[in-house]
Amino acid sequence: MQCAVCEQNGEPGDDQAAAHAWATGHLKANPEHFTHREIITRPCRLKPGAWQ
Protein backbone atom coordinates (compact mmCIF):
# COMPACT_ATOMS: atom_id res chain seq x y z
CA MET A 1 0.00 0.00 0.00
CA GLN A 2 1.00 3.57 -0.58
CA CYS A 3 -0.38 6.73 0.95
CA ALA A 4 -1.58 8.95 -1.89
CA VAL A 5 -1.02 12.05 0.26
CA CYS A 6 2.61 11.62 1.40
CA GLU A 7 3.60 8.66 -0.82
CA GLN A 8 4.89 6.67 2.17
CA ASN A 9 4.78 2.90 1.51
CA GLY A 10 4.01 -0.09 3.67
CA GLU A 11 6.21 -3.17 3.48
CA PRO A 12 5.80 -5.14 0.25
CA GLY A 13 4.40 -8.64 0.63
CA ASP A 14 1.69 -11.12 -0.28
CA ASP A 15 -0.48 -10.58 2.80
CA GLN A 16 -3.36 -8.28 1.90
CA ALA A 17 -4.49 -8.10 5.54
CA ALA A 18 -1.05 -6.77 6.55
CA ALA A 19 -1.23 -4.14 3.80
CA HIS A 20 -4.64 -2.98 4.97
CA ALA A 21 -3.44 -2.97 8.58
CA TRP A 22 -0.56 -0.69 7.56
CA ALA A 23 -2.98 1.69 5.82
CA THR A 24 -5.23 1.75 8.88
CA GLY A 25 -2.27 2.45 11.17
CA HIS A 26 -1.02 5.18 8.86
CA LEU A 27 -4.47 6.77 8.86
CA LYS A 28 -4.64 6.67 12.67
CA ALA A 29 -1.26 8.39 12.86
CA ASN A 30 -2.15 10.86 10.08
CA PRO A 31 -5.93 11.52 10.14
CA GLU A 32 -5.77 13.71 7.03
CA HIS A 33 -4.16 10.87 4.96
CA PHE A 34 -7.35 9.02 4.02
CA THR A 35 -6.47 8.14 0.39
CA HIS A 36 -4.26 5.12 -0.31
CA ARG A 37 -3.22 3.05 -3.32
CA GLU A 38 -2.93 -0.71 -3.47
CA ILE A 39 0.02 -1.49 -5.72
CA ILE A 40 -0.20 -4.85 -7.47
CA THR A 41 2.56 -6.31 -9.64
CA ARG A 42 1.87 -9.25 -11.95
CA PRO A 43 4.70 -11.16 -13.61
CA CYS A 44 4.64 -11.48 -17.39
CA ARG A 45 6.95 -13.51 -19.62
CA LEU A 46 6.95 -12.99 -23.37
CA LYS A 47 8.04 -15.78 -25.70
CA PRO A 48 9.54 -15.33 -29.15
CA GLY A 49 7.13 -16.17 -31.92
CA ALA A 50 5.48 -14.87 -35.08
CA TRP A 51 5.59 -11.27 -33.79
CA GLN A 52 9.38 -11.11 -34.36
C-alpha atoms as a PDB file:
ATOM      1  CA  MET A   1       0.000   0.000   0.000  1.00  0.00           C
ATOM      2  CA  GLN A   2       1.005   3.569  -0.577  1.00  0.00           C
ATOM      3  CA  CYS A   3      -0.376   6.728   0.955  1.00  0.00           C
ATOM      4  CA  ALA A   4      -1.585   8.955  -1.889  1.00  0.00           C
ATOM      5  CA  VAL A   5      -1.017  12.054   0.260  1.00  0.00           C
ATOM      6  CA  CYS A   6       2.612  11.625   1.404  1.00  0.00           C
ATOM      7  CA  GLU A   7       3.596   8.655  -0.815  1.00  0.00           C
ATOM      8  CA  GLN A   8       4.888   6.670   2.166  1.00  0.00           C
ATOM      9  CA  ASN A   9       4.777   2.897   1.514  1.00  0.00           C
ATOM     10  CA  GLY A  10       4.012  -0.088   3.669  1.00  0.00           C
ATOM     11  CA  GLU A  11       6.209  -3.175   3.482  1.00  0.00           C
ATOM     12  CA  PRO A  12       5.795  -5.141   0.247  1.00  0.00           C
ATOM     13  CA  GLY A  13       4.402  -8.640   0.628  1.00  0.00           C
ATOM     14  CA  ASP A  14       1.690 -11.120  -0.284  1.00  0.00           C
ATOM     15  CA  ASP A  15      -0.476 -10.583   2.800  1.00  0.00           C
ATOM     16  CA  GLN A  16      -3.364  -8.281   1.904  1.00  0.00           C
ATOM     17  CA  ALA A  17      -4.488  -8.100   5.537  1.00  0.00           C
ATOM     18  CA  ALA A  18      -1.055  -6.770   6.550  1.00  0.00           C
ATOM     19  CA  ALA A  19      -1.226  -4.139   3.799  1.00  0.00           C
ATOM     20  CA  HIS A  20      -4.639  -2.975   4.975  1.00  0.00           C
ATOM     21  CA  ALA A  21      -3.439  -2.968   8.584  1.00  0.00           C
ATOM     22  CA  TRP A  22      -0.560  -0.692   7.557  1.00  0.00           C
ATOM     23  CA  ALA A  23      -2.981   1.692   5.817  1.00  0.00           C
ATOM     24  CA  THR A  24      -5.232   1.746   8.884  1.00  0.00           C
ATOM     25  CA  GLY A  25      -2.274   2.446  11.171  1.00  0.00           C
ATOM     26  CA  HIS A  26      -1.023   5.177   8.856  1.00  0.00           C
ATOM     27  CA  LEU A  27      -4.471   6.774   8.861  1.00  0.00           C
ATOM     28  CA  LYS A  28      -4.644   6.672  12.666  1.00  0.00           C
ATOM     29  CA  ALA A  29      -1.257   8.393  12.860  1.00  0.00           C
ATOM     30  CA  ASN A  30      -2.151  10.863  10.082  1.00  0.00           C
ATOM     31  CA  PRO A  31      -5.931  11.523  10.139  1.00  0.00           C
ATOM     32  CA  GLU A  32      -5.767  13.714   7.029  1.00  0.00           C
ATOM     33  CA  HIS A  33      -4.165  10.870   4.962  1.00  0.00           C
ATOM     34  CA  PHE A  34      -7.351   9.023   4.020  1.00  0.00           C
ATOM     35  CA  THR A  35      -6.472   8.139   0.392  1.00  0.00           C
ATOM     36  CA  HIS A  36      -4.257   5.116  -0.311  1.00  0.00           C
ATOM     37  CA  ARG A  37      -3.215   3.045  -3.320  1.00  0.00           C
ATOM     38  CA  GLU A  38      -2.935  -0.710  -3.468  1.00  0.00           C
ATOM     39  CA  ILE A  39       0.023  -1.492  -5.717  1.00  0.00           C
ATOM     40  CA  ILE A  40      -0.204  -4.849  -7.469  1.00  0.00           C
ATOM     41  CA  THR A  41       2.557  -6.312  -9.645  1.00  0.00           C
ATOM     42  CA  ARG A  42       1.870  -9.251 -11.950  1.00  0.00           C
ATOM     43  CA  PRO A  43       4.698 -11.162 -13.611  1.00  0.00           C
ATOM     44  CA  CYS A  44       4.644 -11.484 -17.388  1.00  0.00           C
ATOM     45  CA  ARG A  45       6.947 -13.509 -19.619  1.00  0.00           C
ATOM     46  CA  LEU A  46       6.946 -12.988 -23.373  1.00  0.00           C
ATOM     47  CA  LYS A  47       8.037 -15.777 -25.697  1.00  0.00           C
ATOM     48  CA  PRO A  48       9.541 -15.330 -29.149  1.00  0.00           C
ATOM     49  CA  GLY A  49       7.129 -16.167 -31.922  1.00  0.00           C
ATOM     50  CA  ALA A  50       5.485 -14.874 -35.077  1.00  0.00           C
ATOM     51  CA  TRP A  51       5.592 -11.269 -33.792  1.00  0.00           C
ATOM     52  CA  GLN A  52       9.375 -11.107 -34.355  1.00  0.00           C
END
